[in-house]
N, C-alpha and C. Protein backbone atom coordinates (compact mmCIF):
# COMPACT_ATOMS: atom_id res chain seq x y z
N UNK A 1 0.82 -1.19 0.00
CA UNK A 1 0.00 0.01 0.00
C UNK A 1 0.85 1.25 0.00
N UNK A 2 2.14 1.11 0.15
CA UNK A 2 2.99 2.29 0.25
C UNK A 2 2.90 3.17 -0.98
N UNK A 3 2.70 2.57 -2.14
CA UNK A 3 2.64 3.35 -3.37
C UNK A 3 1.25 3.90 -3.69
N UNK A 4 0.25 3.57 -2.86
CA UNK A 4 -1.12 3.99 -3.13
C UNK A 4 -1.36 5.42 -2.61
N UNK A 5 -2.28 6.06 -3.24
CA UNK A 5 -2.63 7.44 -2.78
C UNK A 5 -3.54 7.32 -1.55
N UNK A 6 -3.67 8.39 -0.83
CA UNK A 6 -4.51 8.39 0.36
C UNK A 6 -5.96 8.08 -0.01
N UNK A 7 -6.41 8.61 -1.13
CA UNK A 7 -7.76 8.37 -1.59
C UNK A 7 -7.97 6.86 -1.90
N UNK A 8 -6.98 6.22 -2.48
CA UNK A 8 -7.08 4.79 -2.80
C UNK A 8 -7.12 3.96 -1.53
N UNK A 9 -6.33 4.36 -0.55
CA UNK A 9 -6.30 3.62 0.71
C UNK A 9 -7.64 3.78 1.44
N UNK A 10 -8.18 4.98 1.44
CA UNK A 10 -9.47 5.25 2.05
C UNK A 10 -10.57 4.42 1.37
N UNK A 11 -10.54 4.35 0.06
CA UNK A 11 -11.54 3.57 -0.68
C UNK A 11 -11.40 2.08 -0.36
N UNK A 12 -10.16 1.60 -0.27
CA UNK A 12 -9.92 0.20 0.06
C UNK A 12 -10.40 -0.09 1.47
N UNK A 13 -10.22 0.86 2.37
CA UNK A 13 -10.71 0.70 3.77
C UNK A 13 -12.20 0.55 3.81
N UNK A 14 -12.91 1.44 3.07
CA UNK A 14 -14.37 1.40 3.02
C UNK A 14 -14.86 0.07 2.44
N UNK A 15 -14.20 -0.41 1.39
CA UNK A 15 -14.60 -1.71 0.80
C UNK A 15 -14.35 -2.84 1.81
N UNK A 16 -13.23 -2.76 2.52
CA UNK A 16 -12.93 -3.82 3.50
C UNK A 16 -13.93 -3.79 4.65
N UNK A 17 -14.33 -2.61 5.09
CA UNK A 17 -15.35 -2.56 6.18
C UNK A 17 -16.65 -3.16 5.68
N UNK A 18 -17.04 -2.81 4.46
CA UNK A 18 -18.31 -3.31 3.90
C UNK A 18 -18.30 -4.82 3.79
N UNK A 19 -17.13 -5.41 3.54
CA UNK A 19 -16.98 -6.84 3.42
C UNK A 19 -16.55 -7.53 4.68
N UNK A 20 -16.47 -6.80 5.81
CA UNK A 20 -15.99 -7.33 7.10
C UNK A 20 -14.64 -7.99 6.97
N UNK A 21 -13.78 -7.38 6.15
CA UNK A 21 -12.42 -7.89 5.89
C UNK A 21 -11.43 -7.15 6.82
N UNK A 22 -11.29 -7.71 8.02
CA UNK A 22 -10.44 -7.07 9.01
C UNK A 22 -8.99 -6.93 8.61
N UNK A 23 -8.46 -7.94 7.91
CA UNK A 23 -7.05 -7.91 7.51
C UNK A 23 -6.76 -6.75 6.56
N UNK A 24 -7.55 -6.64 5.50
CA UNK A 24 -7.32 -5.53 4.55
C UNK A 24 -7.56 -4.18 5.22
N UNK A 25 -8.62 -4.09 5.99
CA UNK A 25 -8.90 -2.82 6.69
C UNK A 25 -7.74 -2.47 7.63
N UNK A 26 -7.19 -3.49 8.34
CA UNK A 26 -6.07 -3.24 9.24
C UNK A 26 -4.86 -2.71 8.50
N UNK A 27 -4.60 -3.29 7.31
CA UNK A 27 -3.47 -2.80 6.51
C UNK A 27 -3.70 -1.33 6.10
N UNK A 28 -4.91 -0.98 5.79
CA UNK A 28 -5.25 0.44 5.43
C UNK A 28 -5.01 1.36 6.62
N UNK A 29 -5.52 1.00 7.77
CA UNK A 29 -5.33 1.84 8.97
C UNK A 29 -3.84 1.94 9.29
N UNK A 30 -3.12 0.82 9.21
CA UNK A 30 -1.72 0.81 9.48
C UNK A 30 -0.94 1.76 8.56
N UNK A 31 -1.26 1.68 7.27
CA UNK A 31 -0.58 2.55 6.30
C UNK A 31 -0.83 4.03 6.57
N UNK A 32 -2.06 4.36 6.87
CA UNK A 32 -2.40 5.78 7.19
C UNK A 32 -1.65 6.22 8.46
N UNK A 33 -1.58 5.35 9.41
CA UNK A 33 -0.86 5.63 10.67
C UNK A 33 0.60 5.92 10.39
N UNK A 34 1.20 5.02 9.59
CA UNK A 34 2.64 5.19 9.29
C UNK A 34 2.91 6.47 8.48
N UNK A 35 1.90 6.95 7.77
CA UNK A 35 2.04 8.18 7.01
C UNK A 35 1.81 9.42 7.87
N UNK A 36 1.51 9.25 9.14
CA UNK A 36 1.32 10.38 10.00
C UNK A 36 -0.11 10.98 10.00
N UNK A 37 -1.04 10.15 9.64
CA UNK A 37 -2.48 10.59 9.68
C UNK A 37 -2.82 11.11 11.06
N UNK A 38 -3.66 12.08 11.16
CA UNK A 38 -4.02 12.65 12.45
C UNK A 38 -4.54 11.58 13.38
N UNK A 39 -4.19 11.70 14.66
CA UNK A 39 -4.56 10.68 15.63
C UNK A 39 -6.06 10.48 15.72
N UNK A 40 -6.82 11.54 15.65
CA UNK A 40 -8.28 11.43 15.73
C UNK A 40 -8.84 10.60 14.57
N UNK A 41 -8.27 10.77 13.40
CA UNK A 41 -8.67 10.03 12.22
C UNK A 41 -8.36 8.55 12.42
N UNK A 42 -7.18 8.25 12.91
CA UNK A 42 -6.76 6.86 13.15
C UNK A 42 -7.68 6.23 14.19
N UNK A 43 -7.93 6.93 15.29
CA UNK A 43 -8.79 6.42 16.37
C UNK A 43 -10.19 6.12 15.83
N UNK A 44 -10.74 7.00 15.02
CA UNK A 44 -12.07 6.77 14.45
C UNK A 44 -12.02 5.55 13.52
N UNK A 45 -10.99 5.44 12.73
CA UNK A 45 -10.85 4.26 11.83
C UNK A 45 -10.76 2.96 12.61
N UNK A 46 -9.96 2.97 13.71
CA UNK A 46 -9.84 1.80 14.53
C UNK A 46 -11.22 1.42 15.12
N UNK A 47 -11.94 2.42 15.58
CA UNK A 47 -13.29 2.15 16.13
C UNK A 47 -14.22 1.55 15.13
N UNK A 48 -14.23 2.09 13.91
CA UNK A 48 -15.05 1.52 12.86
C UNK A 48 -14.62 0.12 12.51
N UNK A 49 -13.32 -0.10 12.44
CA UNK A 49 -12.80 -1.43 12.15
C UNK A 49 -13.29 -2.46 13.19
N UNK A 50 -13.14 -2.12 14.45
CA UNK A 50 -13.51 -3.04 15.52
C UNK A 50 -15.02 -3.33 15.49
N UNK A 51 -15.82 -2.33 15.12
CA UNK A 51 -17.24 -2.57 15.11
C UNK A 51 -17.69 -3.34 13.88
N UNK A 52 -16.91 -3.31 12.80
CA UNK A 52 -17.30 -4.00 11.56
C UNK A 52 -16.68 -5.37 11.35
N UNK A 53 -15.47 -5.58 11.85
CA UNK A 53 -14.76 -6.81 11.51
C UNK A 53 -13.86 -7.33 12.64
N UNK A 54 -14.32 -7.24 13.85
CA UNK A 54 -13.50 -7.59 15.00
C UNK A 54 -12.89 -9.01 14.93
N UNK A 55 -13.63 -9.95 14.42
CA UNK A 55 -13.16 -11.34 14.41
C UNK A 55 -12.01 -11.59 13.44
N UNK A 56 -11.85 -10.69 12.45
CA UNK A 56 -10.79 -10.95 11.48
C UNK A 56 -9.64 -9.92 11.51
N UNK A 57 -9.55 -9.18 12.58
CA UNK A 57 -8.46 -8.19 12.73
C UNK A 57 -7.19 -8.97 13.15
N UNK A 58 -6.08 -8.76 12.48
CA UNK A 58 -4.86 -9.48 12.87
C UNK A 58 -4.27 -8.99 14.18
N UNK A 59 -3.54 -9.86 14.83
CA UNK A 59 -2.89 -9.54 16.12
C UNK A 59 -1.90 -8.38 16.06
N UNK A 60 -1.32 -8.14 14.92
CA UNK A 60 -0.28 -7.16 14.84
C UNK A 60 -0.81 -5.70 14.82
N UNK A 61 -2.07 -5.50 14.67
CA UNK A 61 -2.62 -4.15 14.62
C UNK A 61 -2.84 -3.63 16.07
N UNK A 62 -2.17 -2.54 16.45
CA UNK A 62 -2.41 -1.98 17.78
C UNK A 62 -3.87 -1.58 17.98
N UNK A 63 -4.31 -1.63 19.20
CA UNK A 63 -5.71 -1.31 19.50
C UNK A 63 -5.93 0.16 19.81
N UNK A 64 -4.87 0.92 19.97
CA UNK A 64 -4.98 2.34 20.26
C UNK A 64 -3.87 3.12 19.56
N UNK A 65 -4.10 4.39 19.34
CA UNK A 65 -3.15 5.26 18.65
C UNK A 65 -2.06 5.74 19.60
N UNK A 66 -0.82 5.57 19.19
CA UNK A 66 0.33 6.11 19.91
C UNK A 66 1.18 6.79 18.87
N UNK A 67 1.41 8.08 19.05
CA UNK A 67 2.06 8.86 17.99
C UNK A 67 3.46 8.41 17.65
N UNK A 68 4.19 7.81 18.58
CA UNK A 68 5.57 7.42 18.31
C UNK A 68 5.68 6.02 17.69
N UNK A 69 4.58 5.32 17.47
CA UNK A 69 4.69 3.95 16.91
C UNK A 69 5.42 3.89 15.59
N UNK A 70 5.26 4.80 14.64
CA UNK A 70 6.05 4.70 13.42
C UNK A 70 7.56 4.69 13.70
N UNK A 71 7.99 5.44 14.69
CA UNK A 71 9.43 5.43 15.07
C UNK A 71 9.85 4.07 15.59
N UNK A 72 8.98 3.44 16.36
CA UNK A 72 9.28 2.10 16.89
C UNK A 72 9.50 1.10 15.75
N UNK A 73 8.63 1.18 14.72
CA UNK A 73 8.81 0.30 13.56
C UNK A 73 10.17 0.57 12.91
N UNK A 74 10.49 1.86 12.68
CA UNK A 74 11.74 2.20 11.99
C UNK A 74 12.94 1.72 12.77
N UNK A 75 12.91 1.93 14.09
CA UNK A 75 14.03 1.50 14.92
C UNK A 75 14.15 0.00 14.97
N UNK A 76 13.03 -0.69 15.19
CA UNK A 76 13.06 -2.15 15.28
C UNK A 76 13.56 -2.78 13.96
N UNK A 77 13.22 -2.18 12.84
CA UNK A 77 13.68 -2.73 11.54
C UNK A 77 15.18 -2.64 11.33
N UNK A 78 15.87 -1.83 12.15
CA UNK A 78 17.31 -1.76 12.00
C UNK A 78 18.00 -2.97 12.65
N UNK A 79 17.28 -3.78 13.36
CA UNK A 79 17.84 -4.97 14.02
C UNK A 79 17.52 -6.21 13.21
N UNK A 80 18.54 -7.02 13.08
CA UNK A 80 18.40 -8.31 12.33
C UNK A 80 19.06 -9.41 13.09
N UNK A 81 18.52 -10.60 12.90
CA UNK A 81 19.14 -11.79 13.50
C UNK A 81 19.66 -12.64 12.34
N UNK A 82 20.80 -13.27 12.55
CA UNK A 82 21.42 -14.04 11.45
C UNK A 82 21.03 -15.51 11.44
N UNK A 83 20.48 -16.00 12.55
CA UNK A 83 20.17 -17.45 12.58
C UNK A 83 18.87 -17.71 13.31
N UNK A 84 18.23 -18.79 12.94
CA UNK A 84 16.97 -19.18 13.54
C UNK A 84 17.21 -19.87 14.91
N UNK A 85 16.24 -19.74 15.79
CA UNK A 85 16.34 -20.35 17.10
C UNK A 85 14.96 -20.42 17.73
N UNK A 86 14.92 -20.34 19.06
CA UNK A 86 13.65 -20.48 19.75
C UNK A 86 13.22 -19.30 20.56
N UNK A 87 13.96 -18.16 20.43
CA UNK A 87 13.69 -16.97 21.23
C UNK A 87 12.93 -15.92 20.40
N UNK A 88 12.14 -15.13 21.11
CA UNK A 88 11.34 -14.10 20.49
C UNK A 88 11.53 -12.78 21.23
N UNK A 89 11.64 -11.70 20.47
CA UNK A 89 11.65 -10.34 21.02
C UNK A 89 10.22 -9.84 20.99
N UNK A 90 9.82 -9.18 22.05
CA UNK A 90 8.46 -8.63 22.07
C UNK A 90 8.42 -7.23 22.73
N UNK A 91 7.41 -6.49 22.39
CA UNK A 91 7.19 -5.18 22.94
C UNK A 91 5.77 -5.13 23.55
N UNK A 92 5.66 -4.51 24.74
CA UNK A 92 4.35 -4.34 25.36
C UNK A 92 4.11 -2.83 25.58
N UNK A 93 2.97 -2.38 25.20
CA UNK A 93 2.59 -0.99 25.40
C UNK A 93 2.20 -0.81 26.86
N UNK A 94 2.78 0.22 27.48
CA UNK A 94 2.56 0.48 28.91
C UNK A 94 1.78 1.80 29.06
N UNK A 95 0.91 1.85 30.03
CA UNK A 95 0.01 2.99 30.28
C UNK A 95 0.55 3.79 31.47
N UNK A 96 0.94 5.03 31.21
CA UNK A 96 1.45 5.93 32.25
C UNK A 96 0.60 7.21 32.31
N UNK A 97 -0.68 7.14 31.89
CA UNK A 97 -1.51 8.34 31.86
C UNK A 97 -1.64 8.97 33.24
N UNK A 98 -1.52 8.22 34.27
CA UNK A 98 -1.74 8.78 35.64
C UNK A 98 -0.52 9.48 36.19
N UNK A 99 0.64 9.38 35.55
CA UNK A 99 1.84 9.94 36.20
C UNK A 99 2.89 10.54 35.26
N UNK A 100 2.66 10.53 33.93
CA UNK A 100 3.66 11.07 33.01
C UNK A 100 3.03 11.93 31.94
N UNK A 101 3.75 12.93 31.51
CA UNK A 101 3.25 13.78 30.41
C UNK A 101 3.11 12.99 29.14
N UNK A 102 4.11 12.11 28.86
CA UNK A 102 4.01 11.19 27.73
C UNK A 102 3.28 9.96 28.25
N UNK A 103 2.03 9.80 27.83
CA UNK A 103 1.12 8.84 28.43
C UNK A 103 1.59 7.40 28.33
N UNK A 104 2.33 7.06 27.29
CA UNK A 104 2.66 5.69 27.00
C UNK A 104 4.16 5.41 27.07
N UNK A 105 4.48 4.18 27.41
CA UNK A 105 5.85 3.71 27.36
C UNK A 105 5.85 2.33 26.74
N UNK A 106 6.99 1.71 26.66
CA UNK A 106 7.10 0.40 26.06
C UNK A 106 8.00 -0.49 26.88
N UNK A 107 7.64 -1.74 27.01
CA UNK A 107 8.45 -2.74 27.66
C UNK A 107 9.10 -3.57 26.58
N UNK A 108 10.42 -3.80 26.67
CA UNK A 108 11.12 -4.63 25.69
C UNK A 108 11.48 -5.92 26.43
N UNK A 109 11.05 -7.04 25.82
CA UNK A 109 11.36 -8.32 26.43
C UNK A 109 11.79 -9.37 25.47
N UNK A 110 12.22 -10.53 26.03
CA UNK A 110 12.68 -11.64 25.21
C UNK A 110 12.13 -12.90 25.90
N UNK A 111 11.67 -13.86 25.10
CA UNK A 111 11.11 -15.06 25.67
C UNK A 111 11.13 -16.18 24.69
N UNK A 112 11.04 -17.40 25.17
CA UNK A 112 10.86 -18.58 24.30
C UNK A 112 9.40 -18.73 23.94
N UNK A 113 8.52 -18.00 24.63
CA UNK A 113 7.09 -18.03 24.34
C UNK A 113 6.72 -17.02 23.27
N UNK A 114 5.59 -17.17 22.61
CA UNK A 114 5.16 -16.18 21.65
C UNK A 114 4.89 -14.88 22.41
N UNK A 115 5.00 -13.73 21.70
CA UNK A 115 4.76 -12.44 22.37
C UNK A 115 3.39 -12.38 23.06
N UNK A 116 2.38 -12.88 22.44
CA UNK A 116 0.99 -12.84 23.05
C UNK A 116 0.97 -13.72 24.29
N UNK A 117 1.54 -14.92 24.23
CA UNK A 117 1.55 -15.81 25.38
C UNK A 117 2.35 -15.23 26.52
N UNK A 118 3.50 -14.63 26.19
CA UNK A 118 4.34 -14.02 27.25
C UNK A 118 3.64 -12.84 27.90
N UNK A 119 2.92 -12.04 27.10
CA UNK A 119 2.19 -10.91 27.66
C UNK A 119 1.10 -11.45 28.61
N UNK A 120 0.42 -12.48 28.20
CA UNK A 120 -0.62 -13.08 29.05
C UNK A 120 -0.01 -13.57 30.39
N UNK A 121 1.20 -14.13 30.29
CA UNK A 121 1.88 -14.59 31.51
C UNK A 121 2.15 -13.40 32.42
N UNK A 122 2.69 -12.33 31.85
CA UNK A 122 2.93 -11.11 32.68
C UNK A 122 1.70 -10.72 33.40
N UNK A 123 0.56 -10.59 32.65
CA UNK A 123 -0.70 -10.11 33.21
C UNK A 123 -1.27 -11.07 34.26
N UNK A 124 -0.92 -12.38 34.17
CA UNK A 124 -1.33 -13.34 35.15
C UNK A 124 -0.40 -13.40 36.33
N UNK A 125 0.69 -12.64 36.31
CA UNK A 125 1.65 -12.66 37.41
C UNK A 125 2.68 -13.77 37.31
N UNK A 126 2.83 -14.40 36.17
CA UNK A 126 3.77 -15.50 35.99
C UNK A 126 5.09 -14.89 35.52
N UNK A 127 6.14 -14.97 36.38
CA UNK A 127 7.43 -14.36 36.04
C UNK A 127 7.24 -12.96 35.48
N UNK A 128 6.40 -12.17 36.14
CA UNK A 128 5.94 -10.91 35.61
C UNK A 128 6.89 -9.76 35.93
N UNK A 129 7.09 -8.92 34.94
CA UNK A 129 7.73 -7.62 35.20
C UNK A 129 6.61 -6.73 35.77
N UNK A 130 6.94 -6.05 36.86
CA UNK A 130 5.92 -5.22 37.51
C UNK A 130 5.32 -4.16 36.58
N UNK A 131 6.13 -3.64 35.69
CA UNK A 131 5.62 -2.60 34.77
C UNK A 131 4.55 -3.16 33.84
N UNK A 132 4.72 -4.41 33.38
CA UNK A 132 3.77 -5.02 32.47
C UNK A 132 2.55 -5.52 33.27
N UNK A 133 2.79 -6.09 34.44
CA UNK A 133 1.67 -6.57 35.27
C UNK A 133 0.74 -5.42 35.64
N UNK A 134 1.31 -4.26 36.01
CA UNK A 134 0.48 -3.15 36.49
C UNK A 134 0.05 -2.22 35.37
N UNK A 135 0.88 -2.05 34.35
CA UNK A 135 0.59 -1.02 33.34
C UNK A 135 0.47 -1.52 31.91
N UNK A 136 0.61 -2.83 31.68
CA UNK A 136 0.59 -3.39 30.36
C UNK A 136 -0.81 -3.29 29.73
N UNK A 137 -0.87 -2.73 28.54
CA UNK A 137 -2.12 -2.58 27.79
C UNK A 137 -2.29 -3.61 26.66
N UNK A 138 -1.24 -3.80 25.90
CA UNK A 138 -1.31 -4.73 24.80
C UNK A 138 0.09 -5.03 24.28
N UNK A 139 0.20 -6.11 23.50
CA UNK A 139 1.45 -6.42 22.83
C UNK A 139 1.50 -5.61 21.54
N UNK A 140 2.66 -5.06 21.24
CA UNK A 140 2.91 -4.38 19.95
C UNK A 140 3.60 -5.37 19.09
N UNK A 141 2.87 -6.19 18.39
CA UNK A 141 3.43 -7.31 17.64
C UNK A 141 4.12 -6.87 16.37
N UNK A 142 3.55 -5.92 15.64
CA UNK A 142 4.06 -5.53 14.34
C UNK A 142 5.54 -5.18 14.25
N UNK A 143 6.02 -4.34 15.14
CA UNK A 143 7.43 -3.90 15.00
C UNK A 143 8.46 -5.02 15.13
N UNK A 144 8.10 -6.09 15.83
CA UNK A 144 9.12 -7.15 16.08
C UNK A 144 8.78 -8.47 15.39
N UNK A 145 7.91 -8.43 14.40
CA UNK A 145 7.55 -9.70 13.72
C UNK A 145 8.77 -10.39 13.12
N UNK A 146 9.74 -9.60 12.65
CA UNK A 146 10.95 -10.17 12.04
C UNK A 146 11.96 -10.64 13.06
N UNK A 147 11.67 -10.44 14.35
CA UNK A 147 12.60 -10.86 15.41
C UNK A 147 12.01 -11.99 16.23
N UNK A 148 11.33 -12.90 15.53
CA UNK A 148 10.75 -14.09 16.19
C UNK A 148 11.57 -15.31 15.75
N UNK A 149 11.65 -16.26 16.69
CA UNK A 149 12.41 -17.50 16.42
C UNK A 149 13.85 -17.27 16.00
N UNK A 150 14.54 -16.53 16.88
CA UNK A 150 15.94 -16.29 16.67
C UNK A 150 16.79 -16.93 17.79
N UNK A 151 18.08 -17.03 17.56
CA UNK A 151 18.97 -17.66 18.57
C UNK A 151 19.00 -16.81 19.84
N UNK A 152 19.07 -17.52 20.96
CA UNK A 152 19.02 -16.84 22.25
C UNK A 152 20.09 -15.80 22.42
N UNK A 153 21.31 -16.08 22.03
CA UNK A 153 22.40 -15.16 22.20
C UNK A 153 22.09 -13.85 21.44
N UNK A 154 21.58 -13.99 20.24
CA UNK A 154 21.20 -12.77 19.49
C UNK A 154 20.02 -12.08 20.12
N UNK A 155 19.08 -12.83 20.66
CA UNK A 155 17.91 -12.23 21.31
C UNK A 155 18.35 -11.40 22.52
N UNK A 156 19.28 -11.92 23.28
CA UNK A 156 19.76 -11.18 24.47
C UNK A 156 20.39 -9.86 24.01
N UNK A 157 21.20 -9.91 23.00
CA UNK A 157 21.86 -8.71 22.46
C UNK A 157 20.80 -7.71 21.94
N UNK A 158 19.92 -8.21 21.10
CA UNK A 158 18.92 -7.36 20.42
C UNK A 158 17.99 -6.76 21.46
N UNK A 159 17.56 -7.51 22.46
CA UNK A 159 16.67 -6.96 23.50
C UNK A 159 17.31 -5.73 24.15
N UNK A 160 18.54 -5.85 24.54
CA UNK A 160 19.23 -4.74 25.21
C UNK A 160 19.44 -3.57 24.26
N UNK A 161 19.92 -3.83 23.07
CA UNK A 161 20.19 -2.75 22.10
C UNK A 161 18.93 -2.09 21.63
N UNK A 162 17.86 -2.84 21.44
CA UNK A 162 16.59 -2.26 21.00
C UNK A 162 16.04 -1.34 22.11
N UNK A 163 16.15 -1.75 23.36
CA UNK A 163 15.68 -0.92 24.48
C UNK A 163 16.48 0.38 24.51
N UNK A 164 17.78 0.30 24.33
CA UNK A 164 18.62 1.48 24.31
C UNK A 164 18.28 2.42 23.15
N UNK A 165 18.05 1.84 21.97
CA UNK A 165 17.72 2.66 20.82
C UNK A 165 16.36 3.35 20.97
N UNK A 166 15.40 2.64 21.50
CA UNK A 166 14.07 3.27 21.71
C UNK A 166 14.15 4.36 22.75
N UNK A 167 14.91 4.15 23.80
CA UNK A 167 15.11 5.15 24.83
C UNK A 167 15.83 6.38 24.26
N UNK A 168 16.84 6.14 23.43
CA UNK A 168 17.56 7.25 22.79
C UNK A 168 16.64 8.07 21.87
N UNK A 169 15.59 7.45 21.38
CA UNK A 169 14.64 8.15 20.50
C UNK A 169 13.58 8.92 21.31
N UNK A 170 13.70 8.88 22.64
CA UNK A 170 12.80 9.67 23.50
C UNK A 170 11.56 8.89 23.97
N UNK A 171 11.55 7.59 23.77
CA UNK A 171 10.44 6.77 24.20
C UNK A 171 10.77 6.25 25.59
N UNK A 172 9.78 6.27 26.52
CA UNK A 172 10.00 5.78 27.87
C UNK A 172 10.03 4.25 27.80
N UNK A 173 11.10 3.63 28.26
CA UNK A 173 11.35 2.20 28.11
C UNK A 173 11.56 1.54 29.44
N UNK A 174 10.95 0.38 29.58
CA UNK A 174 11.20 -0.52 30.68
C UNK A 174 11.68 -1.85 30.09
N UNK A 175 12.37 -2.65 30.87
CA UNK A 175 12.86 -3.93 30.39
C UNK A 175 14.13 -3.74 29.59
N UNK A 176 14.38 -4.70 28.73
CA UNK A 176 15.54 -4.61 27.87
C UNK A 176 16.83 -5.00 28.57
N UNK A 177 16.75 -5.93 29.52
CA UNK A 177 17.94 -6.33 30.25
C UNK A 177 18.25 -7.79 30.06
């Protein structure tokens, strides 16, 4: 969709909603988000998507608008793993609306479990980081999809370096150790 005009993406979004095609509609919302579409517009689109096609929305689409998410994608894409393994890098969106000017932060983690399963473990108190247990909102699957099933040694390195890079970009980071 990167080569499509905004009008073409909007038309594809409307067609996808009419057909309850959550995957295509999610791609449309994601592309507009990455282009810097106004937050209110993205939030409205997310709301319409959830009401029209909730059962077919992919896991990688965030459930709420965070203005720095395009930066997270760009930063995460600079990291690569050279070999396959059993470790996964994951990000969890954290809610700091009660105590920080920047409402959201991100937790950077590494696990042998899938990002969704590991997030559920955090929320259930199983080997939980306090920040995710208390403030975790959702898994940000999209930015780290290419960092799944990698060797443990590389995952340890990438987890730490990704946390440092996100922090250097001005994002409030927990984890990454």
